[in-house]
């Protein structure tokens, strides 16, 4: 995981909404902004934080940049949280 505080990044509802959208597959910034109803500048800020926490990856394809969820970070997070489970 990156040095960015993943919990701080996940604390914002719009960023969690972006992740929920991306769980269904890649999307470009225009598609995400339209579904969220936010300005390109606001979306850019959220995407920057999500990328900084390695929660999403970006792929350039022709004239578009597509965003995709980085499941490996979530796998690591689940393993870490599992350490605090009630296992006996």
PDB file of N, CA and C in Angstrom:
ATOM      1  N   UNK A   1       0.841  -1.182   0.000  1.00  0.00           N
ATOM      2  CA  UNK A   1       0.000   0.000   0.000  1.00  0.00           C
ATOM      3  C   UNK A   1       0.882   1.239   0.000  1.00  0.00           C
ATOM      4  N   UNK A   2       0.326   2.342  -0.442  1.00  0.00           N
ATOM      5  CA  UNK A   2       1.107   3.573  -0.521  1.00  0.00           C
ATOM      6  C   UNK A   2       1.164   4.259   0.843  1.00  0.00           C
ATOM      7  N   UNK A   3       1.899   5.367   0.892  1.00  0.00           N
ATOM      8  CA  UNK A   3       2.027   6.122   2.138  1.00  0.00           C
ATOM      9  C   UNK A   3       0.800   6.971   2.425  1.00  0.00           C
ATOM     10  N   UNK A   4      -0.061   7.148   1.438  1.00  0.00           N
ATOM     11  CA  UNK A   4      -1.271   7.939   1.626  1.00  0.00           C
ATOM     12  C   UNK A   4      -2.190   7.219   2.602  1.00  0.00           C
ATOM     13  N   UNK A   5      -2.833   7.975   3.477  1.00  0.00           N
ATOM     14  CA  UNK A   5      -3.730   7.378   4.457  1.00  0.00           C
ATOM     15  C   UNK A   5      -4.997   6.892   3.761  1.00  0.00           C
ATOM     16  N   UNK A   6      -5.084   5.613   3.555  1.00  0.00           N
ATOM     17  CA  UNK A   6      -6.193   5.012   2.820  1.00  0.00           C
ATOM     18  C   UNK A   6      -7.528   5.275   3.502  1.00  0.00           C
ATOM     19  N   UNK A   7      -7.535   5.297   4.822  1.00  0.00           N
ATOM     20  CA  UNK A   7      -8.782   5.521   5.548  1.00  0.00           C
ATOM     21  C   UNK A   7      -9.286   6.950   5.371  1.00  0.00           C
ATOM     22  N   UNK A   8      -8.361   7.905   5.307  1.00  0.00           N
ATOM     23  CA  UNK A   8      -8.746   9.296   5.055  1.00  0.00           C
ATOM     24  C   UNK A   8      -9.339   9.426   3.655  1.00  0.00           C
ATOM     25  N   UNK A   9      -8.735   8.749   2.692  1.00  0.00           N
ATOM     26  CA  UNK A   9      -9.239   8.799   1.319  1.00  0.00           C
ATOM     27  C   UNK A   9     -10.630   8.168   1.253  1.00  0.00           C
ATOM     28  N   UNK A  10     -10.818   7.046   1.942  1.00  0.00           N
ATOM     29  CA  UNK A  10     -12.107   6.345   1.911  1.00  0.00           C
ATOM     30  C   UNK A  10     -13.187   7.031   2.746  1.00  0.00           C
ATOM     31  N   UNK A  11     -12.814   8.003   3.560  1.00  0.00           N
ATOM     32  CA  UNK A  11     -13.783   8.687   4.416  1.00  0.00           C
ATOM     33  C   UNK A  11     -14.767   9.538   3.625  1.00  0.00           C
ATOM     34  N   UNK A  12     -14.404   9.917   2.408  1.00  0.00           N
ATOM     35  CA  UNK A  12     -15.256  10.786   1.603  1.00  0.00           C
ATOM     36  C   UNK A  12     -16.270   9.973   0.799  1.00  0.00           C
ATOM     37  N   UNK A  13     -17.546  10.328   0.906  1.00  0.00           N
ATOM     38  CA  UNK A  13     -18.604   9.579   0.227  1.00  0.00           C
ATOM     39  C   UNK A  13     -18.460   9.595  -1.290  1.00  0.00           C
ATOM     40  N   UNK A  14     -18.072  10.718  -1.869  1.00  0.00           N
ATOM     41  CA  UNK A  14     -17.940  10.764  -3.332  1.00  0.00           C
ATOM     42  C   UNK A  14     -16.831   9.838  -3.822  1.00  0.00           C
ATOM     43  N   UNK A  15     -15.752   9.743  -3.052  1.00  0.00           N
ATOM     44  CA  UNK A  15     -14.688   8.826  -3.458  1.00  0.00           C
ATOM     45  C   UNK A  15     -15.145   7.376  -3.329  1.00  0.00           C
ATOM     46  N   UNK A  16     -15.915   7.089  -2.291  1.00  0.00           N
ATOM     47  CA  UNK A  16     -16.479   5.727  -2.171  1.00  0.00           C
ATOM     48  C   UNK A  16     -17.446   5.454  -3.311  1.00  0.00           C
ATOM     49  N   UNK A  17     -18.216   6.448  -3.713  1.00  0.00           N
ATOM     50  CA  UNK A  17     -19.137   6.291  -4.849  1.00  0.00           C
ATOM     51  C   UNK A  17     -18.374   6.002  -6.141  1.00  0.00           C
ATOM     52  N   UNK A  18     -17.248   6.676  -6.331  1.00  0.00           N
ATOM     53  CA  UNK A  18     -16.418   6.434  -7.519  1.00  0.00           C
ATOM     54  C   UNK A  18     -15.948   4.981  -7.521  1.00  0.00           C
ATOM     55  N   UNK A  19     -15.496   4.498  -6.382  1.00  0.00           N
ATOM     56  CA  UNK A  19     -15.030   3.109  -6.295  1.00  0.00           C
ATOM     57  C   UNK A  19     -16.163   2.130  -6.595  1.00  0.00           C
ATOM     58  N   UNK A  20     -17.352   2.426  -6.096  1.00  0.00           N
ATOM     59  CA  UNK A  20     -18.503   1.555  -6.376  1.00  0.00           C
ATOM     60  C   UNK A  20     -18.825   1.538  -7.867  1.00  0.00           C
ATOM     61  N   UNK A  21     -18.708   2.674  -8.525  1.00  0.00           N
ATOM     62  CA  UNK A  21     -18.938   2.730  -9.976  1.00  0.00           C
ATOM     63  C   UNK A  21     -17.902   1.897 -10.714  1.00  0.00           C
ATOM     64  N   UNK A  22     -16.652   1.988 -10.272  1.00  0.00           N
ATOM     65  CA  UNK A  22     -15.569   1.311 -10.968  1.00  0.00           C
ATOM     66  C   UNK A  22     -15.555  -0.197 -10.726  1.00  0.00           C
ATOM     67  N   UNK A  23     -16.268  -0.648  -9.719  1.00  0.00           N
ATOM     68  CA  UNK A  23     -16.294  -2.100  -9.492  1.00  0.00           C
ATOM     69  C   UNK A  23     -17.010  -2.816 -10.633  1.00  0.00           C
ATOM     70  N   UNK A  24     -17.784  -2.079 -11.411  1.00  0.00           N
ATOM     71  CA  UNK A  24     -18.487  -2.653 -12.556  1.00  0.00           C
ATOM     72  C   UNK A  24     -17.664  -2.598 -13.836  1.00  0.00           C
ATOM     73  N   UNK A  25     -16.460  -2.014 -13.767  1.00  0.00           N
ATOM     74  CA  UNK A  25     -15.596  -1.946 -14.940  1.00  0.00           C
ATOM     75  C   UNK A  25     -15.007  -0.564 -15.150  1.00  0.00           C
ATOM     76  N   UNK A  26     -14.125  -0.479 -16.117  1.00  0.00           N
ATOM     77  CA  UNK A  26     -13.441   0.778 -16.437  1.00  0.00           C
ATOM     78  C   UNK A  26     -14.413   1.863 -16.864  1.00  0.00           C
ATOM     79  N   UNK A  27     -14.056   3.086 -16.491  1.00  0.00           N
ATOM     80  CA  UNK A  27     -14.826   4.257 -16.905  1.00  0.00           C
ATOM     81  C   UNK A  27     -13.853   5.389 -17.174  1.00  0.00           C
ATOM     82  N   UNK A  28     -14.248   6.304 -18.064  1.00  0.00           N
ATOM     83  CA  UNK A  28     -13.413   7.488 -18.262  1.00  0.00           C
ATOM     84  C   UNK A  28     -13.935   8.609 -17.361  1.00  0.00           C
ATOM     85  N   UNK A  29     -13.160   9.673 -17.252  1.00  0.00           N
ATOM     86  CA  UNK A  29     -13.497  10.764 -16.331  1.00  0.00           C
ATOM     87  C   UNK A  29     -14.840  11.401 -16.664  1.00  0.00           C
ATOM     88  N   UNK A  30     -15.144  11.541 -17.951  1.00  0.00           N
ATOM     89  CA  UNK A  30     -16.420  12.135 -18.335  1.00  0.00           C
ATOM     90  C   UNK A  30     -17.603  11.315 -17.859  1.00  0.00           C
ATOM     91  N   UNK A  31     -17.496  10.015 -17.977  1.00  0.00           N
ATOM     92  CA  UNK A  31     -18.571   9.129 -17.524  1.00  0.00           C
ATOM     93  C   UNK A  31     -18.749   9.205 -16.012  1.00  0.00           C
ATOM     94  N   UNK A  32     -17.622   9.231 -15.296  1.00  0.00           N
ATOM     95  CA  UNK A  32     -17.688   9.309 -13.831  1.00  0.00           C
ATOM     96  C   UNK A  32     -18.294  10.640 -13.397  1.00  0.00           C
ATOM     97  N   UNK A  33     -17.823  11.746 -13.985  1.00  0.00           N
ATOM     98  CA  UNK A  33     -18.319  13.081 -13.621  1.00  0.00           C
ATOM     99  C   UNK A  33     -19.810  13.197 -13.891  1.00  0.00           C
ATOM    100  N   UNK A  34     -20.250  12.651 -15.014  1.00  0.00           N
ATOM    101  CA  UNK A  34     -21.668  12.711 -15.360  1.00  0.00           C
ATOM    102  C   UNK A  34     -22.522  11.955 -14.343  1.00  0.00           C
ATOM    103  N   UNK A  35     -22.097  10.767 -13.978  1.00  0.00           N
ATOM    104  CA  UNK A  35     -22.872   9.979 -13.009  1.00  0.00           C
ATOM    105  C   UNK A  35     -22.877  10.600 -11.619  1.00  0.00           C
ATOM    106  N   UNK A  36     -21.744  11.212 -11.242  1.00  0.00           N
ATOM    107  CA  UNK A  36     -21.665  11.839  -9.919  1.00  0.00           C
ATOM    108  C   UNK A  36     -22.296  13.223  -9.882  1.00  0.00           C
ATOM    109  N   UNK A  37     -22.371  13.867 -11.043  1.00  0.00           N
ATOM    110  CA  UNK A  37     -22.883  15.230 -11.089  1.00  0.00           C
ATOM    111  C   UNK A  37     -21.903  16.231 -10.501  1.00  0.00           C
ATOM    112  N   UNK A  38     -20.597  16.042 -10.790  1.00  0.00           N
ATOM    113  CA  UNK A  38     -19.578  16.954 -10.279  1.00  0.00           C
ATOM    114  C   UNK A  38     -18.837  17.603 -11.443  1.00  0.00           C
ATOM    115  N   UNK A  39     -18.149  18.677 -11.140  1.00  0.00           N
ATOM    116  CA  UNK A  39     -17.354  19.372 -12.160  1.00  0.00           C
ATOM    117  C   UNK A  39     -16.085  18.571 -12.453  1.00  0.00           C
ATOM    118  N   UNK A  40     -15.504  18.784 -13.621  1.00  0.00           N
ATOM    119  CA  UNK A  40     -14.240  18.113 -13.926  1.00  0.00           C
ATOM    120  C   UNK A  40     -13.141  18.411 -12.898  1.00  0.00           C
ATOM    121  N   UNK A  41     -13.100  19.635 -12.391  1.00  0.00           N
ATOM    122  CA  UNK A  41     -12.084  19.994 -11.389  1.00  0.00           C
ATOM    123  C   UNK A  41     -12.272  19.208 -10.096  1.00  0.00           C
ATOM    124  N   UNK A  42     -13.515  19.100  -9.648  1.00  0.00           N
ATOM    125  CA  UNK A  42     -13.790  18.337  -8.425  1.00  0.00           C
ATOM    126  C   UNK A  42     -13.451  16.864  -8.619  1.00  0.00           C
ATOM    127  N   UNK A  43     -13.813  16.326  -9.772  1.00  0.00           N
ATOM    128  CA  UNK A  43     -13.514  14.928 -10.044  1.00  0.00           C
ATOM    129  C   UNK A  43     -12.004  14.705 -10.098  1.00  0.00           C
ATOM    130  N   UNK A  44     -11.288  15.606 -10.723  1.00  0.00           N
ATOM    131  CA  UNK A  44      -9.836  15.495 -10.822  1.00  0.00           C
ATOM    132  C   UNK A  44      -9.204  15.404  -9.433  1.00  0.00           C
ATOM    133  N   UNK A  45      -9.699  16.191  -8.498  1.00  0.00           N
ATOM    134  CA  UNK A  45      -9.202  16.169  -7.117  1.00  0.00           C
ATOM    135  C   UNK A  45      -9.423  14.795  -6.490  1.00  0.00           C
ATOM    136  N   UNK A  46     -10.629  14.263  -6.637  1.00  0.00           N
ATOM    137  CA  UNK A  46     -10.946  12.956  -6.055  1.00  0.00           C
ATOM    138  C   UNK A  46     -10.119  11.844  -6.703  1.00  0.00           C
ATOM    139  N   UNK A  47      -9.970  11.887  -8.025  1.00  0.00           N
ATOM    140  CA  UNK A  47      -9.191  10.867  -8.724  1.00  0.00           C
ATOM    141  C   UNK A  47      -7.724  10.923  -8.301  1.00  0.00           C
ATOM    142  N   UNK A  48      -7.212  12.130  -8.086  1.00  0.00           N
ATOM    143  CA  UNK A  48      -5.818  12.287  -7.647  1.00  0.00           C
ATOM    144  C   UNK A  48      -5.610  11.602  -6.293  1.00  0.00           C
ATOM    145  N   UNK A  49      -6.527  11.801  -5.379  1.00  0.00           N
ATOM    146  CA  UNK A  49      -6.407  11.184  -4.057  1.00  0.00           C
ATOM    147  C   UNK A  49      -6.544   9.663  -4.133  1.00  0.00           C
ATOM    148  N   UNK A  50      -7.483   9.187  -4.946  1.00  0.00           N
ATOM    149  CA  UNK A  50      -7.660   7.743  -5.106  1.00  0.00           C
ATOM    150  C   UNK A  50      -6.428   7.100  -5.738  1.00  0.00           C
ATOM    151  N   UNK A  51      -5.837   7.778  -6.720  1.00  0.00           N
ATOM    152  CA  UNK A  51      -4.607   7.261  -7.344  1.00  0.00           C
ATOM    153  C   UNK A  51      -3.453   7.289  -6.350  1.00  0.00           C
ATOM    154  N   UNK A  52      -3.383   8.346  -5.554  1.00  0.00           N
ATOM    155  CA  UNK A  52      -2.318   8.468  -4.556  1.00  0.00           C
ATOM    156  C   UNK A  52      -2.358   7.365  -3.517  1.00  0.00           C
ATOM    157  N   UNK A  53      -3.551   6.850  -3.245  1.00  0.00           N
ATOM    158  CA  UNK A  53      -3.717   5.751  -2.297  1.00  0.00           C
ATOM    159  C   UNK A  53      -3.657   4.395  -3.004  1.00  0.00           C
ATOM    160  N   UNK A  54      -3.363   4.405  -4.286  1.00  0.00           N
ATOM    161  CA  UNK A  54      -3.298   3.188  -5.119  1.00  0.00           C
ATOM    162  C   UNK A  54      -4.623   2.430  -5.175  1.00  0.00           C
ATOM    163  N   UNK A  55      -5.719   3.132  -4.929  1.00  0.00           N
ATOM    164  CA  UNK A  55      -7.027   2.477  -4.977  1.00  0.00           C
ATOM    165  C   UNK A  55      -7.546   2.341  -6.402  1.00  0.00           C
ATOM    166  N   UNK A  56      -7.053   3.193  -7.299  1.00  0.00           N
ATOM    167  CA  UNK A  56      -7.431   3.092  -8.702  1.00  0.00           C
ATOM    168  C   UNK A  56      -6.181   3.179  -9.573  1.00  0.00           C
ATOM    169  N   UNK A  57      -6.321   2.673 -10.789  1.00  0.00           N
ATOM    170  CA  UNK A  57      -5.251   2.757 -11.781  1.00  0.00           C
ATOM    171  C   UNK A  57      -5.837   3.453 -12.999  1.00  0.00           C
ATOM    172  N   UNK A  58      -4.973   4.086 -13.775  1.00  0.00           N
ATOM    173  CA  UNK A  58      -5.450   4.728 -14.993  1.00  0.00           C
ATOM    174  C   UNK A  58      -4.763   4.114 -16.204  1.00  0.00           C
ATOM    175  N   UNK A  59      -5.532   4.036 -17.287  1.00  0.00           N
ATOM    176  CA  UNK A  59      -5.044   3.480 -18.543  1.00  0.00           C
ATOM    177  C   UNK A  59      -5.374   4.447 -19.657  1.00  0.00           C
ATOM    178  N   UNK A  60      -4.388   4.750 -20.482  1.00  0.00           N
ATOM    179  CA  UNK A  60      -4.630   5.627 -21.627  1.00  0.00           C
ATOM    180  C   UNK A  60      -4.948   4.761 -22.832  1.00  0.00           C
ATOM    181  N   UNK A  61      -6.024   5.126 -23.500  1.00  0.00           N
ATOM    182  CA  UNK A  61      -6.450   4.416 -24.704  1.00  0.00           C
ATOM    183  C   UNK A  61      -6.928   5.456 -25.709  1.00  0.00           C
ATOM    184  N   UNK A  62      -6.158   5.633 -26.757  1.00  0.00           N
ATOM    185  CA  UNK A  62      -6.414   6.665 -27.763  1.00  0.00           C
ATOM    186  C   UNK A  62      -6.482   8.026 -27.085  1.00  0.00           C
ATOM    187  N   UNK A  63      -7.599   8.721 -27.186  1.00  0.00           N
ATOM    188  CA  UNK A  63      -7.717  10.062 -26.599  1.00  0.00           C
ATOM    189  C   UNK A  63      -8.353  10.067 -25.217  1.00  0.00           C
ATOM    190  N   UNK A  64      -8.526   8.899 -24.629  1.00  0.00           N
ATOM    191  CA  UNK A  64      -9.215   8.819 -23.347  1.00  0.00           C
ATOM    192  C   UNK A  64      -8.319   8.221 -22.274  1.00  0.00           C
ATOM    193  N   UNK A  65      -8.590   8.598 -21.040  1.00  0.00           N
ATOM    194  CA  UNK A  65      -7.957   7.966 -19.880  1.00  0.00           C
ATOM    195  C   UNK A  65      -9.066   7.231 -19.151  1.00  0.00           C
ATOM    196  N   UNK A  66      -8.856   5.956 -18.948  1.00  0.00           N
ATOM    197  CA  UNK A  66      -9.831   5.122 -18.249  1.00  0.00           C
ATOM    198  C   UNK A  66      -9.315   4.803 -16.864  1.00  0.00           C
ATOM    199  N   UNK A  67     -10.250   4.727 -15.932  1.00  0.00           N
ATOM    200  CA  UNK A  67      -9.919   4.426 -14.545  1.00  0.00           C
ATOM    201  C   UNK A  67     -10.502   3.074 -14.185  1.00  0.00           C
ATOM    202  N   UNK A  68      -9.746   2.346 -13.368  1.00  0.00           N
ATOM    203  CA  UNK A  68     -10.138   1.003 -12.973  1.00  0.00           C
ATOM    204  C   UNK A  68      -9.747   0.806 -11.511  1.00  0.00           C
ATOM    205  N   UNK A  69     -10.540   0.065 -10.789  1.00  0.00           N
ATOM    206  CA  UNK A  69     -10.259  -0.198  -9.383  1.00  0.00           C
ATOM    207  C   UNK A  69      -9.042  -1.115  -9.266  1.00  0.00           C
ATOM    208  N   UNK A  70      -8.223  -0.873  -8.264  1.00  0.00           N
ATOM    209  CA  UNK A  70      -7.039  -1.693  -8.005  1.00  0.00           C
ATOM    210  C   UNK A  70      -7.391  -2.673  -6.889  1.00  0.00           C
ATOM    211  N   UNK A  71      -7.807  -3.854  -7.275  1.00  0.00           N
ATOM    212  CA  UNK A  71      -8.290  -4.823  -6.283  1.00  0.00           C
ATOM    213  C   UNK A  71      -7.188  -5.333  -5.366  1.00  0.00           C
ATOM    214  N   UNK A  72      -5.932  -5.295  -5.793  1.00  0.00           N
ATOM    215  CA  UNK A  72      -4.859  -5.812  -4.943  1.00  0.00           C
ATOM    216  C   UNK A  72      -4.742  -5.023  -3.639  1.00  0.00           C
ATOM    217  N   UNK A  73      -5.000  -3.731  -3.689  1.00  0.00           N
ATOM    218  CA  UNK A  73      -4.950  -2.917  -2.469  1.00  0.00           C
ATOM    219  C   UNK A  73      -6.078  -3.320  -1.528  1.00  0.00           C
ATOM    220  N   UNK A  74      -7.241  -3.598  -2.075  1.00  0.00           N
ATOM    221  CA  UNK A  74      -8.349  -4.032  -1.240  1.00  0.00           C
ATOM    222  C   UNK A  74      -8.079  -5.406  -0.637  1.00  0.00           C
ATOM    223  N   UNK A  75      -7.429  -6.277  -1.398  1.00  0.00           N
ATOM    224  CA  UNK A  75      -7.057  -7.589  -0.869  1.00  0.00           C
ATOM    225  C   UNK A  75      -6.128  -7.437   0.332  1.00  0.00           C
ATOM    226  N   UNK A  76      -5.133  -6.566   0.213  1.00  0.00           N
ATOM    227  CA  UNK A  76      -4.202  -6.307   1.321  1.00  0.00           C
ATOM    228  C   UNK A  76      -4.941  -5.728   2.523  1.00  0.00           C
ATOM    229  N   UNK A  77      -5.858  -4.810   2.263  1.00  0.00           N
ATOM    230  CA  UNK A  77      -6.621  -4.174   3.335  1.00  0.00           C
ATOM    231  C   UNK A  77      -7.488  -5.191   4.069  1.00  0.00           C
ATOM    232  N   UNK A  78      -8.120  -6.077   3.329  1.00  0.00           N
ATOM    233  CA  UNK A  78      -8.959  -7.117   3.934  1.00  0.00           C
ATOM    234  C   UNK A  78      -8.112  -8.040   4.805  1.00  0.00           C
ATOM    235  N   UNK A  79      -6.939  -8.427   4.316  1.00  0.00           N
ATOM    236  CA  UNK A  79      -6.048  -9.274   5.121  1.00  0.00           C
ATOM    237  C   UNK A  79      -5.628  -8.568   6.401  1.00  0.00           C
ATOM    238  N   UNK A  80      -5.310  -7.268   6.278  1.00  0.00           N
ATOM    239  CA  UNK A  80      -4.896  -6.516   7.450  1.00  0.00           C
ATOM    240  C   UNK A  80      -6.029  -6.414   8.468  1.00  0.00           C
ATOM    241  N   UNK A  81      -7.220  -6.084   8.002  1.00  0.00           N
ATOM    242  CA  UNK A  81      -8.371  -5.947   8.894  1.00  0.00           C
ATOM    243  C   UNK A  81      -8.714  -7.294   9.528  1.00  0.00           C
ATOM    244  N   UNK A  82      -8.529  -8.375   8.763  1.00  0.00           N
ATOM    245  CA  UNK A  82      -8.819  -9.723   9.270  1.00  0.00           C
ATOM    246  C   UNK A  82      -8.006 -10.088  10.503  1.00  0.00           C
ATOM    247  N   UNK A  83      -6.870  -9.441  10.687  1.00  0.00           N
ATOM    248  CA  UNK A  83      -6.055  -9.712  11.859  1.00  0.00           C
ATOM    249  C   UNK A  83      -6.756  -9.341  13.159  1.00  0.00           C
ATOM    250  N   UNK A  84      -7.756  -8.478  13.049  1.00  0.00           N
ATOM    251  CA  UNK A  84      -8.450  -8.001  14.235  1.00  0.00           C
ATOM    252  C   UNK A  84      -9.754  -8.757  14.483  1.00  0.00           C
ATOM    253  N   UNK A  85      -9.990  -9.799  13.682  1.00  0.00           N
ATOM    254  CA  UNK A  85     -11.218 -10.583  13.801  1.00  0.00           C
ATOM    255  C   UNK A  85     -11.283 -11.321  15.124  1.00  0.00           C
ATOM    256  N   UNK A  86     -12.426 -11.905  15.339  1.00  0.00           N
ATOM    257  CA  UNK A  86     -12.676 -12.598  16.609  1.00  0.00           C
ATOM    258  C   UNK A  86     -12.257 -14.063  16.588  1.00  0.00           C
ATOM    259  N   UNK A  87     -11.288 -14.422  15.724  1.00  0.00           N
ATOM    260  CA  UNK A  87     -10.836 -15.820  15.670  1.00  0.00           C
ATOM    261  C   UNK A  87     -10.309 -16.283  17.017  1.00  0.00           C
ATOM    262  N   UNK A  88     -10.551 -17.541  17.326  1.00  0.00           N
ATOM    263  CA  UNK A  88     -10.135 -18.048  18.652  1.00  0.00           C
ATOM    264  C   UNK A  88      -8.946 -18.943  18.539  1.00  0.00           C
TER     265      UNK A  88
END
